Each structure stands twice: as C-alpha cells, then as structure tokens.
Protein backbone atom coordinates (compact mmCIF):
# COMPACT_ATOMS: atom_id res chain seq x y z
CA MET A 1 -56.75 58.46 -13.74
CA LEU A 2 -55.61 57.87 -10.15
CA GLY A 3 -56.15 54.13 -10.62
CA LEU A 4 -54.06 54.14 -13.79
CA ALA A 5 -51.30 56.08 -12.04
CA LEU A 6 -51.23 53.58 -9.17
CA VAL A 7 -51.04 50.68 -11.63
CA ALA A 8 -48.15 52.35 -13.45
CA VAL A 9 -46.25 52.87 -10.20
CA ALA A 10 -46.84 49.26 -9.18
CA VAL A 11 -45.61 47.93 -12.53
CA SER A 12 -42.55 50.17 -12.37
CA ALA A 13 -41.69 48.98 -8.87
CA ALA A 14 -42.22 45.34 -9.83
CA THR A 15 -39.87 45.61 -12.79
CA ALA A 16 -37.16 47.68 -11.07
CA VAL A 17 -33.67 46.30 -11.58
CA ASN A 18 -31.30 45.84 -8.67
CA GLU A 19 -28.24 47.50 -10.19
CA HIS A 20 -25.97 45.87 -7.58
CA ALA A 21 -27.10 42.35 -8.54
CA PRO A 22 -24.55 40.13 -10.33
CA THR A 23 -25.52 39.20 -13.88
CA GLY A 24 -23.95 37.31 -16.77
CA VAL A 25 -21.79 35.03 -14.60
CA HIS A 26 -19.31 32.97 -16.62
CA ILE A 27 -16.13 31.03 -15.94
CA ALA A 28 -12.97 30.24 -17.90
CA PHE A 29 -9.79 28.31 -17.34
CA GLY A 30 -7.05 30.31 -15.67
CA THR A 31 -3.43 30.62 -16.70
CA ARG A 32 -2.43 27.82 -14.31
CA ASP A 33 -4.05 24.39 -14.40
CA ASP A 34 -5.32 24.84 -10.84
CA GLU A 35 -7.11 28.13 -11.58
CA MET A 36 -10.58 29.13 -12.68
CA SER A 37 -11.50 32.72 -13.50
CA VAL A 38 -15.00 34.00 -12.71
CA THR A 39 -16.40 37.09 -14.46
CA TRP A 40 -19.68 38.97 -14.08
CA HIS A 41 -20.98 42.51 -14.21
CA THR A 42 -23.24 44.89 -12.33
CA LEU A 43 -24.90 48.09 -13.44
CA ALA A 44 -23.81 49.96 -10.31
CA SER A 45 -20.46 50.36 -8.63
CA ASN A 46 -20.23 48.31 -5.44
CA PRO A 47 -18.23 49.27 -2.36
CA GLY A 48 -15.28 47.07 -1.53
CA ASP A 49 -14.01 44.21 -3.65
CA PRO A 50 -15.99 41.70 -5.70
CA THR A 51 -16.03 38.33 -3.97
CA VAL A 52 -16.50 34.68 -4.84
CA GLU A 53 -17.52 32.30 -2.06
CA PHE A 54 -16.89 28.67 -2.94
CA TYR A 55 -17.36 25.31 -1.28
CA PRO A 56 -16.24 21.72 -1.98
CA GLY A 57 -18.90 19.52 -3.57
CA ILE A 58 -22.38 20.38 -4.78
CA ILE A 59 -24.56 22.26 -2.30
CA ASP A 60 -27.82 24.16 -2.66
CA ASP A 61 -28.05 26.10 0.59
CA VAL A 62 -25.50 28.35 2.30
CA SER A 63 -27.76 29.89 4.93
CA GLU A 64 -26.58 29.99 8.53
CA SER A 65 -28.94 27.17 9.41
CA SER A 66 -27.64 24.89 6.62
CA ASP A 67 -25.00 22.18 6.88
CA ALA A 68 -22.84 23.80 4.20
CA PRO A 69 -19.10 23.06 4.49
CA GLN A 70 -16.54 25.68 5.38
CA VAL A 71 -16.58 28.53 2.88
CA SER A 72 -13.53 29.90 1.07
CA ARG A 73 -13.61 33.53 -0.04
CA VAL A 74 -11.55 35.13 -2.79
CA GLU A 75 -11.59 38.81 -3.70
CA GLY A 76 -10.89 40.21 -7.14
CA SER A 77 -10.92 43.40 -9.15
CA THR A 78 -13.49 45.67 -10.78
CA ARG A 79 -13.18 47.72 -13.96
CA ALA A 80 -15.68 50.29 -15.20
CA PHE A 81 -16.48 49.64 -18.87
CA ILE A 82 -17.97 52.54 -20.84
CA ASP A 83 -19.83 51.56 -24.00
CA GLY A 84 -18.71 53.47 -27.09
CA GLY A 85 -22.25 54.35 -28.21
CA PRO A 86 -24.02 57.69 -27.82
CA GLU A 87 -25.54 56.80 -24.43
CA ARG A 88 -22.09 56.07 -22.96
CA THR A 89 -23.62 53.47 -20.66
CA VAL A 90 -21.40 52.13 -17.89
CA ARG A 91 -21.04 48.57 -16.64
CA PHE A 92 -18.83 47.38 -13.85
CA VAL A 93 -17.04 44.18 -14.80
CA HIS A 94 -15.83 42.05 -11.90
CA ARG A 95 -13.11 39.41 -12.13
CA VAL A 96 -11.98 36.90 -9.52
CA THR A 97 -9.45 34.08 -9.97
CA LEU A 98 -9.83 30.93 -7.88
CA GLN A 99 -6.54 29.14 -7.24
CA ASN A 100 -5.21 25.87 -5.80
CA LEU A 101 -8.18 23.88 -7.06
CA GLU A 102 -7.93 20.11 -6.93
CA PRO A 103 -7.88 18.48 -10.40
CA GLY A 104 -11.30 17.14 -11.33
CA ALA A 105 -12.89 18.29 -8.05
CA ILE A 106 -16.41 19.69 -7.96
CA TYR A 107 -16.96 23.10 -6.37
CA SER A 108 -20.09 25.15 -5.70
CA TYR A 109 -19.82 28.92 -5.72
CA ARG A 110 -21.68 32.19 -5.71
CA VAL A 111 -20.54 35.69 -6.64
CA GLY A 112 -21.38 39.07 -5.19
CA ASN A 113 -20.43 41.72 -2.72
CA PRO A 114 -20.41 41.36 1.08
CA ALA A 115 -20.94 45.09 1.60
CA THR A 116 -24.21 45.19 -0.33
CA LYS A 117 -25.12 41.62 0.68
CA THR A 118 -26.15 41.02 -2.92
CA TRP A 119 -25.27 37.55 -4.16
CA SER A 120 -25.95 35.39 -7.18
CA ARG A 121 -27.54 32.01 -6.83
CA LEU A 122 -25.30 28.99 -6.35
CA PHE A 123 -23.51 27.50 -9.36
CA ASN A 124 -21.02 24.63 -9.58
CA PHE A 125 -18.14 23.57 -11.81
CA CYS A 126 -15.57 20.81 -12.22
CA ALA A 127 -11.96 21.97 -11.94
CA LYS A 128 -9.73 21.17 -14.90
CA ARG A 129 -8.98 17.46 -15.00
CA ASN A 130 -5.42 16.27 -15.36
CA LYS A 131 -4.32 13.83 -18.02
CA SER A 132 -4.48 10.80 -15.69
CA GLN A 133 -8.17 11.50 -15.00
CA ILE A 134 -9.09 11.23 -18.68
CA SER A 135 -9.69 7.71 -19.97
CA PRO A 136 -11.93 5.76 -22.38
CA ALA A 137 -14.37 5.35 -19.50
CA LYS A 138 -14.24 9.07 -18.72
CA PRO A 139 -13.26 10.72 -22.02
CA LEU A 140 -12.48 14.35 -22.63
CA LYS A 141 -15.61 16.18 -23.79
CA LEU A 142 -15.49 19.47 -25.63
CA LEU A 143 -18.38 21.37 -27.21
CA ALA A 144 -17.75 23.90 -29.97
CA LEU A 145 -20.20 26.40 -31.41
CA CYS A 146 -20.21 29.79 -33.08
CA ASP A 147 -22.64 32.51 -34.12
CA GLN A 148 -25.12 32.65 -31.24
CA GLY A 149 -27.69 35.43 -30.90
CA HIS A 150 -29.90 36.61 -28.06
CA ARG A 151 -33.11 36.16 -30.05
CA GLU A 152 -31.85 33.79 -32.73
CA SER A 153 -30.34 30.99 -30.64
CA ALA A 154 -32.65 30.34 -27.70
CA GLY A 155 -33.26 26.75 -28.80
CA VAL A 156 -29.55 25.99 -29.11
CA VAL A 157 -28.83 27.47 -25.69
CA GLN A 158 -31.58 25.34 -24.14
CA LEU A 159 -30.15 22.18 -25.71
CA VAL A 160 -26.63 22.94 -24.53
CA ALA A 161 -27.89 23.91 -21.05
CA ALA A 162 -29.65 20.54 -20.77
CA GLU A 163 -26.40 18.77 -21.66
CA VAL A 164 -24.48 20.83 -19.12
CA ALA A 165 -27.06 20.19 -16.39
CA ASP A 166 -26.64 16.40 -16.67
CA PRO A 167 -23.40 15.23 -14.97
CA ALA A 168 -23.27 12.32 -17.40
CA THR A 169 -23.09 14.61 -20.44
CA ARG A 170 -21.51 17.79 -19.06
CA PRO A 171 -18.46 18.72 -21.18
CA ASP A 172 -15.06 19.70 -19.82
CA ALA A 173 -15.27 23.02 -21.66
CA LEU A 174 -17.09 24.89 -24.40
CA ILE A 175 -15.43 26.72 -27.29
CA HIS A 176 -17.33 29.67 -28.78
CA CYS A 177 -15.48 30.96 -31.83
CA GLY A 178 -17.00 34.34 -32.43
CA ASP A 179 -20.22 36.27 -33.04
CA PHE A 180 -21.89 36.72 -29.67
CA ALA A 181 -25.44 37.96 -29.07
CA TYR A 182 -25.87 39.71 -32.46
CA ASP A 183 -24.41 41.93 -31.10
CA LEU A 184 -22.82 42.53 -27.70
CA ASP A 185 -22.95 46.29 -28.29
CA THR A 186 -26.52 46.46 -29.67
CA TYR A 187 -28.86 48.80 -27.77
CA SER A 188 -25.91 50.36 -25.96
CA GLY A 189 -24.81 46.94 -24.75
CA ARG A 190 -28.15 45.87 -23.30
CA ASN A 191 -28.44 43.12 -25.90
CA GLY A 192 -25.09 41.78 -24.72
CA ASP A 193 -26.31 41.87 -21.13
CA ARG A 194 -29.37 39.83 -22.06
CA TRP A 195 -27.33 37.30 -24.01
CA LEU A 196 -24.88 36.78 -21.15
CA SER A 197 -27.89 36.10 -18.93
CA ASP A 198 -29.18 33.68 -21.58
CA VAL A 199 -25.98 31.62 -21.54
CA GLU A 200 -25.44 31.77 -17.77
CA PRO A 201 -26.97 28.24 -17.34
CA VAL A 202 -24.08 27.06 -19.53
CA ALA A 203 -21.22 29.49 -18.97
CA ALA A 204 -21.49 29.62 -15.16
CA TYR A 205 -21.01 25.83 -15.01
CA VAL A 206 -18.57 25.04 -17.84
CA PRO A 207 -15.42 26.98 -18.82
CA TYR A 208 -16.56 29.20 -21.69
CA MET A 209 -13.52 29.69 -23.93
CA THR A 210 -13.86 32.25 -26.70
CA SER A 211 -12.42 33.88 -29.81
CA GLN A 212 -13.76 37.03 -31.44
CA GLY A 213 -15.71 37.38 -34.67
CA ASN A 214 -16.68 40.16 -37.05
CA HIS A 215 -19.82 40.95 -35.04
CA GLU A 216 -17.62 42.05 -32.13
CA ARG A 217 -15.91 44.79 -34.18
CA ALA A 218 -17.80 47.78 -32.73
CA TYR A 219 -15.63 50.28 -30.86
CA ASN A 220 -12.45 48.30 -31.54
CA PHE A 221 -13.84 45.01 -30.23
CA SER A 222 -14.16 46.59 -26.79
CA HIS A 223 -17.21 44.62 -25.65
CA TYR A 224 -15.41 41.36 -26.36
CA ALA A 225 -12.23 42.51 -24.67
CA GLU A 226 -14.01 43.83 -21.57
CA ARG A 227 -16.66 41.17 -21.02
CA PHE A 228 -14.52 38.01 -21.15
CA THR A 229 -11.44 36.77 -19.29
CA MET A 230 -9.21 34.37 -21.20
CA PRO A 231 -5.99 32.83 -19.83
CA GLY A 232 -2.32 33.44 -20.39
CA HIS A 233 -1.53 35.62 -23.36
CA GLY A 234 -5.23 36.53 -23.62
CA ALA A 235 -4.88 38.87 -20.64
CA ARG A 236 -2.40 40.96 -22.65
CA THR A 237 -4.24 40.86 -25.98
CA GLY A 238 -7.84 41.67 -25.06
CA ASN A 239 -8.67 37.92 -25.16
CA ALA A 240 -7.67 37.94 -28.85
CA TYR A 241 -5.11 35.12 -28.90
CA TYR A 242 -3.99 32.64 -26.28
CA SER A 243 -3.61 28.91 -25.66
CA PHE A 244 -4.09 26.30 -22.95
CA ASP A 245 -3.77 22.56 -22.39
CA LEU A 246 -6.72 20.35 -21.53
CA GLY A 247 -5.67 16.77 -20.88
CA PRO A 248 -4.18 15.41 -24.14
CA LEU A 249 -5.36 18.47 -26.10
CA HIS A 250 -3.57 21.76 -26.79
CA VAL A 251 -6.11 24.47 -27.67
CA VAL A 252 -5.10 27.64 -29.50
CA ALA A 253 -7.28 30.70 -30.15
CA PHE A 254 -6.21 33.29 -32.72
CA ASN A 255 -7.68 36.58 -33.89
CA ALA A 256 -8.96 35.89 -37.41
CA GLU A 257 -10.41 39.41 -37.54
CA ALA A 258 -6.95 40.99 -37.50
CA PHE A 259 -6.77 40.47 -41.29
CA PHE A 260 -10.00 42.36 -42.01
CA TRP A 261 -10.04 45.53 -39.91
CA PRO A 262 -6.91 47.60 -40.64
CA GLU A 263 -8.37 50.52 -38.71
CA TYR A 264 -7.91 48.39 -35.57
CA PHE A 265 -5.06 45.99 -36.39
CA ASP A 266 -1.92 47.15 -38.18
CA GLU A 267 0.90 45.10 -39.66
CA ALA A 268 2.84 45.24 -36.40
CA TYR A 269 -0.10 43.61 -34.60
CA MET A 270 -0.40 40.87 -37.22
CA SER A 271 3.35 40.26 -37.02
CA ARG A 272 3.23 39.92 -33.22
CA MET A 273 0.33 37.48 -33.40
CA TYR A 274 1.98 35.48 -36.16
CA GLU A 275 5.25 35.15 -34.27
CA TRP A 276 3.37 34.17 -31.12
CA LEU A 277 1.34 31.60 -33.06
CA VAL A 278 4.41 30.03 -34.68
CA THR A 279 6.22 29.85 -31.34
CA ASP A 280 3.19 28.36 -29.60
CA LEU A 281 2.54 25.74 -32.29
CA ARG A 282 6.20 24.74 -32.48
CA ALA A 283 6.23 24.20 -28.71
CA ALA A 284 3.02 22.16 -28.98
CA ASN A 285 4.52 20.13 -31.82
CA ASP A 286 7.55 19.33 -29.66
CA ASP A 287 5.26 18.24 -26.81
CA ARG A 288 3.14 15.70 -28.69
CA ALA A 289 3.97 13.06 -26.10
CA ASN A 290 1.88 15.00 -23.58
CA THR A 291 -0.58 16.74 -25.89
CA PRO A 292 -0.88 14.61 -29.06
CA TRP A 293 -3.91 16.63 -30.21
CA VAL A 294 -3.73 20.28 -31.25
CA MET A 295 -6.83 22.30 -32.06
CA VAL A 296 -6.82 25.87 -33.37
CA HIS A 297 -9.97 27.99 -33.42
CA GLY A 298 -10.88 31.37 -34.81
CA HIS A 299 -13.97 32.88 -36.35
CA ARG A 300 -12.85 32.55 -39.97
CA PRO A 301 -10.87 29.64 -41.42
CA MET A 302 -7.36 30.55 -42.41
CA TYR A 303 -7.43 27.87 -45.10
CA CYS A 304 -10.20 25.91 -46.86
CA VAL A 305 -9.62 22.44 -48.31
CA ASP A 306 -12.79 22.58 -50.44
CA PRO A 307 -11.84 24.17 -53.81
CA LYS A 308 -15.41 25.41 -54.25
CA VAL A 309 -15.18 27.53 -51.10
CA PRO A 310 -12.95 30.61 -51.38
CA ASP A 311 -10.44 31.20 -48.63
CA LEU A 312 -11.77 33.83 -46.25
CA THR A 313 -8.41 35.25 -45.25
CA PRO A 314 -6.88 37.71 -47.74
CA HIS A 315 -4.00 36.03 -49.53
CA ALA A 316 -1.71 39.01 -48.99
CA ASN A 317 -1.98 38.48 -45.23
CA LYS A 318 -2.27 34.69 -45.05
CA PRO A 319 0.43 33.06 -42.88
CA GLU A 320 2.36 30.32 -44.63
CA PHE A 321 3.40 27.39 -42.46
CA ALA A 322 4.78 25.35 -45.38
CA GLY A 323 3.38 22.10 -44.03
CA ARG A 324 5.55 22.19 -40.91
CA LEU A 325 2.61 21.97 -38.51
CA ARG A 326 -0.42 19.73 -38.68
CA VAL A 327 -3.39 20.81 -36.63
CA GLY A 328 -7.17 20.71 -36.64
CA GLU A 329 -8.94 23.99 -37.29
CA ALA A 330 -12.41 25.06 -36.16
CA SER A 331 -14.10 28.24 -37.33
CA GLY A 332 -17.45 29.99 -37.48
CA GLU A 333 -17.67 31.64 -40.90
CA GLU A 334 -17.46 28.33 -42.78
CA ARG A 335 -20.89 27.17 -41.66
CA ARG A 336 -20.35 23.50 -42.48
CA GLY A 337 -17.92 23.24 -39.55
CA GLU A 338 -14.97 22.23 -41.71
CA ARG A 339 -12.02 20.53 -40.07
CA VAL A 340 -8.57 20.53 -41.63
CA ARG A 341 -7.36 16.98 -41.13
CA GLY A 342 -3.73 16.48 -40.22
C-alpha cells in the first residue's frame, strides 16, 4: 500500500499545473494599423501587470547569455472571468496591446509576468502589411474556417499550423466565423482552455479574427466576449461586431446570433448593430479606391442564393439593403462555404 501511495503522489506531482503559467496565447489586429493585441489567460491571479516582451526579427533565445536584440516591454490589463456554470471557476484573462509596429515587420515575443518569472515560449508574428507591400509577387493571404472542436478538429488544426509555420505559406490573418471548441464553456470552461491551447500554434502567430456562433450562447456568450479581443467597435460590443482594413480588403464581422436569441439580444440591440453595419458598409463603398474588396463574415448567412437552401435568418428580422451594397459573405452554418458574388 505504501508503494501505491508513493506512486500516486509522484503522478500527482508530475501532472501538477502551474496556475501562473500563460496558456491559450492568441493575437489579433488592433484598432490602429500599427497595433497588435495579445491575449492569454492564467488560472491564478498574478501580482503586478501582465507583460509582453518583444524583439525585432525572429529569435529563439532570450537568455542573458544570448545575442538577443534589445527588448521592448509593454504592460496591459487583467480581468477576472467567472464561468457561469455551477463550479463558478475563475480565469484571469490578460490583454496587452503592442503599438508603433512597423508595417510588414517580423517580431518575436513572449508573454508572462515579471513578478512570478513565469513566461510563455517565444512566438513570432508579422505586423499588418500596408497596401504598398501587397503585390502579385506577395499577395494578400487570408484563411477562413468555422466550426472547430477540441476533439473533432485536431487534423484541421495540424494542417493549418503547418501552413502557418512555413513563411512561404503563412497567411496575413485567419477568420474564424463561430463555433469554437464545442464548446468554450464545456466542463466549466476547461474544454475551452484545451482548445485555445490546441490552436496556439496558429493563433499565437497569425491574427485570429473571430465572430460568434450559436455554440457560444452559454451564459450570454460570455466565454466568447471574455476570451477574445477584437478591434475597434468590437471592444464595445463583446467582440460581436467590428471591422478593419487589411491591404485592399475591408473586413466586417457581424453578430448573426442576434436574430436567434431574444433572451440576450433585444430589438434595440439589433437596431444598433444594423445602423452600425449600414454606416460601415456605406463608408467602405465610398472608399473602393483604397479597399476595392469588401468581405462580411458571420456564423449564419444572412441571405442564400441557392433556392433549395432556406435562409437561416428569420425573415421578420432580416435587414434589407435593397441592392445598394455588393459584398462577399462568408458564414459557418451553410457548410458548403457559399459566397454571395457581387
């Protein structure tokens, strides 16, 4: 019995989790073109402020004996997120915004806390390229996917991670239009933790731009709102709707779920989003000289061109644009990946 007890203690010690360790690191474009937001979480509250250390170029060693270039440090903010389930588990979500990045420049970075001396491994990213840096020889690359689970999508994540790891195929950004982890809140959020670790080889290297789906609905979409950091209007809408420019492309995210969950989204909410969407698309339409391409994404298509596929947005709530705006639409619920051609 003593031998079994010693084995149990050894296994427990070997599998202990460092609750101060950063996990689920992911990046997203900031509100300004020269910004990148970095988000991660810990299971314990850390003293002081969360910190990102970043360096120009690609490096793999930042020890005192290395030849790493001069480090830049940026501090951010921390928010305690309490899961809505019966366990009331707590995660501490950390956000840092890097600013004054050079367009198209490569940076290496790590996240953590100087007080606990607990750091992530080194990652790297390419800052948002400007329009002059995009050409037929170096085209804009954008990946789009939806509906990714922790257990269900390991093969897809591996394929995307391999593409991200190769500088020749790494995209400028990735769009994920809803349904994360199946689900982020499952097992009191632990399934979401695991999924964010799964996608870290992608999302820590490429801006991971999101919109919410029906599988994020638990506790008023709180896991989606708390775990991601989208730019601009997203900061005021729980990441629900926002837009950004990427070279010649204007990208718009909208909350397709607003039409299906009246317990969370009332008519006033839908009206605010609609007015914002109209204003944003009109401005994009007037700026076609700079952004000739406009892409809108949400989890469910607002319209379907195939008469055999029923529209997924209730007709009573469907916005009518009367043909004034021509955009491409990407969504997750129409599994064939339909595009509305303008």
